[in-house]
Each structure stands twice: as C-alpha cells, then as structure tokens.
Amino acid sequence: MTSKRPTRVRDARTGRFVPKREAARRPATTVTETVRRRGGKK
C-alpha cells in the first residue's frame, strides 16, 4: 500500500479514522485530510 500523497480519512462526527474503502462508500460523512510531514499537527 503505497501512495505519493499521504492522506488520512476521518469520520466527520466521531473524529475517528476510517479506511479509505469506508470513506468511498459514504464520502458525505467523512473528512479527508492531507498529511504534511513538515510542521503539522501531530
């Protein structure tokens, strides 16, 4: 599982991370954020 742009998907309501397959099924309730390696939140 390799991707050039690291992204993680969270549930908008619970704030928990969800798999990308789950997010693809219900994109309305998920938030995709790009992971920046330099100077970002932990």
PDB file of N, CA and C in Angstrom:
ATOM      1  N   MET A   1       0.852  -1.197   0.000  1.00  0.00           N
ATOM      2  CA  MET A   1       0.000   0.000   0.000  1.00  0.00           C
ATOM      3  C   MET A   1       0.887   1.246   0.000  1.00  0.00           C
ATOM      4  N   THR A   2       1.111   1.789  -1.160  1.00  0.00           N
ATOM      5  CA  THR A   2       1.978   2.955  -1.256  1.00  0.00           C
ATOM      6  C   THR A   2       1.256   4.074  -1.975  1.00  0.00           C
ATOM      7  N   SER A   3       1.436   5.272  -1.490  1.00  0.00           N
ATOM      8  CA  SER A   3       0.820   6.424  -2.132  1.00  0.00           C
ATOM      9  C   SER A   3       1.766   7.602  -2.029  1.00  0.00           C
ATOM     10  N   LYS A   4       1.864   8.369  -3.094  1.00  0.00           N
ATOM     11  CA  LYS A   4       2.783   9.501  -3.083  1.00  0.00           C
ATOM     12  C   LYS A   4       2.254  10.617  -2.196  1.00  0.00           C
ATOM     13  N   ARG A   5       0.955  10.793  -2.204  1.00  0.00           N
ATOM     14  CA  ARG A   5       0.379  11.826  -1.337  1.00  0.00           C
ATOM     15  C   ARG A   5      -0.293  11.160  -0.161  1.00  0.00           C
ATOM     16  N   PRO A   6       0.313  11.271   1.004  1.00  0.00           N
ATOM     17  CA  PRO A   6      -0.294  10.634   2.177  1.00  0.00           C
ATOM     18  C   PRO A   6      -1.557  11.362   2.614  1.00  0.00           C
ATOM     19  N   THR A   7      -2.627  10.646   2.698  1.00  0.00           N
ATOM     20  CA  THR A   7      -3.879  11.234   3.164  1.00  0.00           C
ATOM     21  C   THR A   7      -4.519  10.304   4.171  1.00  0.00           C
ATOM     22  N   ARG A   8      -5.264  10.897   5.071  1.00  0.00           N
ATOM     23  CA  ARG A   8      -5.993  10.064   6.020  1.00  0.00           C
ATOM     24  C   ARG A   8      -7.436  10.538   6.064  1.00  0.00           C
ATOM     25  N   VAL A   9      -8.321   9.616   6.304  1.00  0.00           N
ATOM     26  CA  VAL A   9      -9.747   9.930   6.258  1.00  0.00           C
ATOM     27  C   VAL A   9     -10.340   9.767   7.642  1.00  0.00           C
ATOM     28  N   ARG A  10     -11.076  10.785   8.070  1.00  0.00           N
ATOM     29  CA  ARG A  10     -11.699  10.721   9.390  1.00  0.00           C
ATOM     30  C   ARG A  10     -13.205  10.799   9.259  1.00  0.00           C
ATOM     31  N   ASP A  11     -13.877  10.244  10.255  1.00  0.00           N
ATOM     32  CA  ASP A  11     -15.326  10.379  10.304  1.00  0.00           C
ATOM     33  C   ASP A  11     -15.634  11.777  10.825  1.00  0.00           C
ATOM     34  N   ALA A  12     -16.504  12.478  10.142  1.00  0.00           N
ATOM     35  CA  ALA A  12     -16.776  13.868  10.493  1.00  0.00           C
ATOM     36  C   ALA A  12     -17.422  13.986  11.869  1.00  0.00           C
ATOM     37  N   ARG A  13     -18.201  12.991  12.241  1.00  0.00           N
ATOM     38  CA  ARG A  13     -18.921  13.092  13.514  1.00  0.00           C
ATOM     39  C   ARG A  13     -18.090  12.600  14.686  1.00  0.00           C
ATOM     40  N   THR A  14     -17.448  11.455  14.527  1.00  0.00           N
ATOM     41  CA  THR A  14     -16.731  10.880  15.662  1.00  0.00           C
ATOM     42  C   THR A  14     -15.283  11.337  15.706  1.00  0.00           C
ATOM     43  N   GLY A  15     -14.752  11.726  14.553  1.00  0.00           N
ATOM     44  CA  GLY A  15     -13.368  12.158  14.522  1.00  0.00           C
ATOM     45  C   GLY A  15     -12.408  10.981  14.454  1.00  0.00           C
ATOM     46  N   ARG A  16     -12.954   9.784  14.325  1.00  0.00           N
ATOM     47  CA  ARG A  16     -12.091   8.600  14.239  1.00  0.00           C
ATOM     48  C   ARG A  16     -11.649   8.377  12.804  1.00  0.00           C
ATOM     49  N   PHE A  17     -10.514   7.747  12.669  1.00  0.00           N
ATOM     50  CA  PHE A  17     -10.016   7.459  11.326  1.00  0.00           C
ATOM     51  C   PHE A  17     -10.746   6.251  10.758  1.00  0.00           C
ATOM     52  N   VAL A  18     -11.085   6.346   9.494  1.00  0.00           N
ATOM     53  CA  VAL A  18     -11.779   5.247   8.831  1.00  0.00           C
ATOM     54  C   VAL A  18     -10.979   4.829   7.604  1.00  0.00           C
ATOM     55  N   PRO A  19     -11.117   3.567   7.197  1.00  0.00           N
ATOM     56  CA  PRO A  19     -10.425   3.111   5.992  1.00  0.00           C
ATOM     57  C   PRO A  19     -10.929   3.825   4.745  1.00  0.00           C
ATOM     58  N   LYS A  20     -10.086   3.892   3.731  1.00  0.00           N
ATOM     59  CA  LYS A  20     -10.471   4.610   2.524  1.00  0.00           C
ATOM     60  C   LYS A  20     -11.647   3.936   1.834  1.00  0.00           C
ATOM     61  N   ARG A  21     -11.762   2.640   1.984  1.00  0.00           N
ATOM     62  CA  ARG A  21     -12.906   1.949   1.374  1.00  0.00           C
ATOM     63  C   ARG A  21     -14.203   2.400   2.015  1.00  0.00           C
ATOM     64  N   GLU A  22     -14.157   2.587   3.318  1.00  0.00           N
ATOM     65  CA  GLU A  22     -15.346   3.036   4.039  1.00  0.00           C
ATOM     66  C   GLU A  22     -15.697   4.460   3.614  1.00  0.00           C
ATOM     67  N   ALA A  23     -14.689   5.285   3.445  1.00  0.00           N
ATOM     68  CA  ALA A  23     -14.918   6.672   3.058  1.00  0.00           C
ATOM     69  C   ALA A  23     -15.487   6.751   1.645  1.00  0.00           C
ATOM     70  N   ALA A  24     -15.084   5.816   0.806  1.00  0.00           N
ATOM     71  CA  ALA A  24     -15.584   5.812  -0.571  1.00  0.00           C
ATOM     72  C   ALA A  24     -17.069   5.479  -0.602  1.00  0.00           C
ATOM     73  N   ARG A  25     -17.505   4.723   0.387  1.00  0.00           N
ATOM     74  CA  ARG A  25     -18.919   4.350   0.432  1.00  0.00           C
ATOM     75  C   ARG A  25     -19.777   5.493   0.940  1.00  0.00           C
ATOM     76  N   ARG A  26     -19.246   6.261   1.865  1.00  0.00           N
ATOM     77  CA  ARG A  26     -20.020   7.389   2.396  1.00  0.00           C
ATOM     78  C   ARG A  26     -19.147   8.626   2.521  1.00  0.00           C
ATOM     79  N   PRO A  27     -18.871   9.272   1.403  1.00  0.00           N
ATOM     80  CA  PRO A  27     -17.992  10.443   1.402  1.00  0.00           C
ATOM     81  C   PRO A  27     -18.595  11.653   2.105  1.00  0.00           C
ATOM     82  N   ALA A  28     -19.905  11.655   2.263  1.00  0.00           N
ATOM     83  CA  ALA A  28     -20.570  12.815   2.852  1.00  0.00           C
ATOM     84  C   ALA A  28     -20.254  12.951   4.339  1.00  0.00           C
ATOM     85  N   THR A  29     -19.993  11.832   4.991  1.00  0.00           N
ATOM     86  CA  THR A  29     -19.790  11.884   6.440  1.00  0.00           C
ATOM     87  C   THR A  29     -18.324  11.766   6.819  1.00  0.00           C
ATOM     88  N   THR A  30     -17.454  11.840   5.817  1.00  0.00           N
ATOM     89  CA  THR A  30     -16.034  11.690   6.120  1.00  0.00           C
ATOM     90  C   THR A  30     -15.253  12.919   5.697  1.00  0.00           C
ATOM     91  N   VAL A  31     -14.131  13.130   6.358  1.00  0.00           N
ATOM     92  CA  VAL A  31     -13.267  14.255   6.035  1.00  0.00           C
ATOM     93  C   VAL A  31     -11.902  13.722   5.643  1.00  0.00           C
ATOM     94  N   THR A  32     -11.446  14.094   4.459  1.00  0.00           N
ATOM     95  CA  THR A  32     -10.123  13.658   4.021  1.00  0.00           C
ATOM     96  C   THR A  32      -9.132  14.778   4.264  1.00  0.00           C
ATOM     97  N   GLU A  33      -8.053  14.476   4.955  1.00  0.00           N
ATOM     98  CA  GLU A  33      -7.048  15.490   5.206  1.00  0.00           C
ATOM     99  C   GLU A  33      -5.703  15.006   4.700  1.00  0.00           C
ATOM    100  N   THR A  34      -4.952  15.947   4.158  1.00  0.00           N
ATOM    101  CA  THR A  34      -3.631  15.599   3.650  1.00  0.00           C
ATOM    102  C   THR A  34      -2.625  15.652   4.780  1.00  0.00           C
ATOM    103  N   VAL A  35      -1.793  14.649   4.854  1.00  0.00           N
ATOM    104  CA  VAL A  35      -0.797  14.588   5.916  1.00  0.00           C
ATOM    105  C   VAL A  35       0.466  15.283   5.444  1.00  0.00           C
ATOM    106  N   ARG A  36       0.825  16.329   6.156  1.00  0.00           N
ATOM    107  CA  ARG A  36       2.060  17.020   5.809  1.00  0.00           C
ATOM    108  C   ARG A  36       3.136  16.600   6.784  1.00  0.00           C
ATOM    109  N   ARG A  37       4.259  16.193   6.258  1.00  0.00           N
ATOM    110  CA  ARG A  37       5.317  15.692   7.145  1.00  0.00           C
ATOM    111  C   ARG A  37       6.004  16.821   7.880  1.00  0.00           C
ATOM    112  N   ARG A  38       6.129  17.969   7.245  1.00  0.00           N
ATOM    113  CA  ARG A  38       6.867  19.056   7.899  1.00  0.00           C
ATOM    114  C   ARG A  38       5.926  19.991   8.632  1.00  0.00           C
ATOM    115  N   GLY A  39       6.199  20.247   9.876  1.00  0.00           N
ATOM    116  CA  GLY A  39       5.482  21.269  10.642  1.00  0.00           C
ATOM    117  C   GLY A  39       3.989  21.177  10.563  1.00  0.00           C
ATOM    118  N   GLY A  40       3.436  20.061  10.991  1.00  0.00           N
ATOM    119  CA  GLY A  40       1.985  19.963  11.031  1.00  0.00           C
ATOM    120  C   GLY A  40       1.545  19.561  12.416  1.00  0.00           C
ATOM    121  N   LYS A  41       0.267  19.335  12.580  1.00  0.00           N
ATOM    122  CA  LYS A  41      -0.196  18.845  13.879  1.00  0.00           C
ATOM    123  C   LYS A  41       0.223  17.398  14.044  1.00  0.00           C
ATOM    124  N   LYS A  42       0.330  16.970  15.277  1.00  0.00           N
ATOM    125  CA  LYS A  42       0.815  15.602  15.498  1.00  0.00           C
ATOM    126  C   LYS A  42      -0.243  14.599  15.113  1.00  0.00           C
TER     127      LYS A  42
END
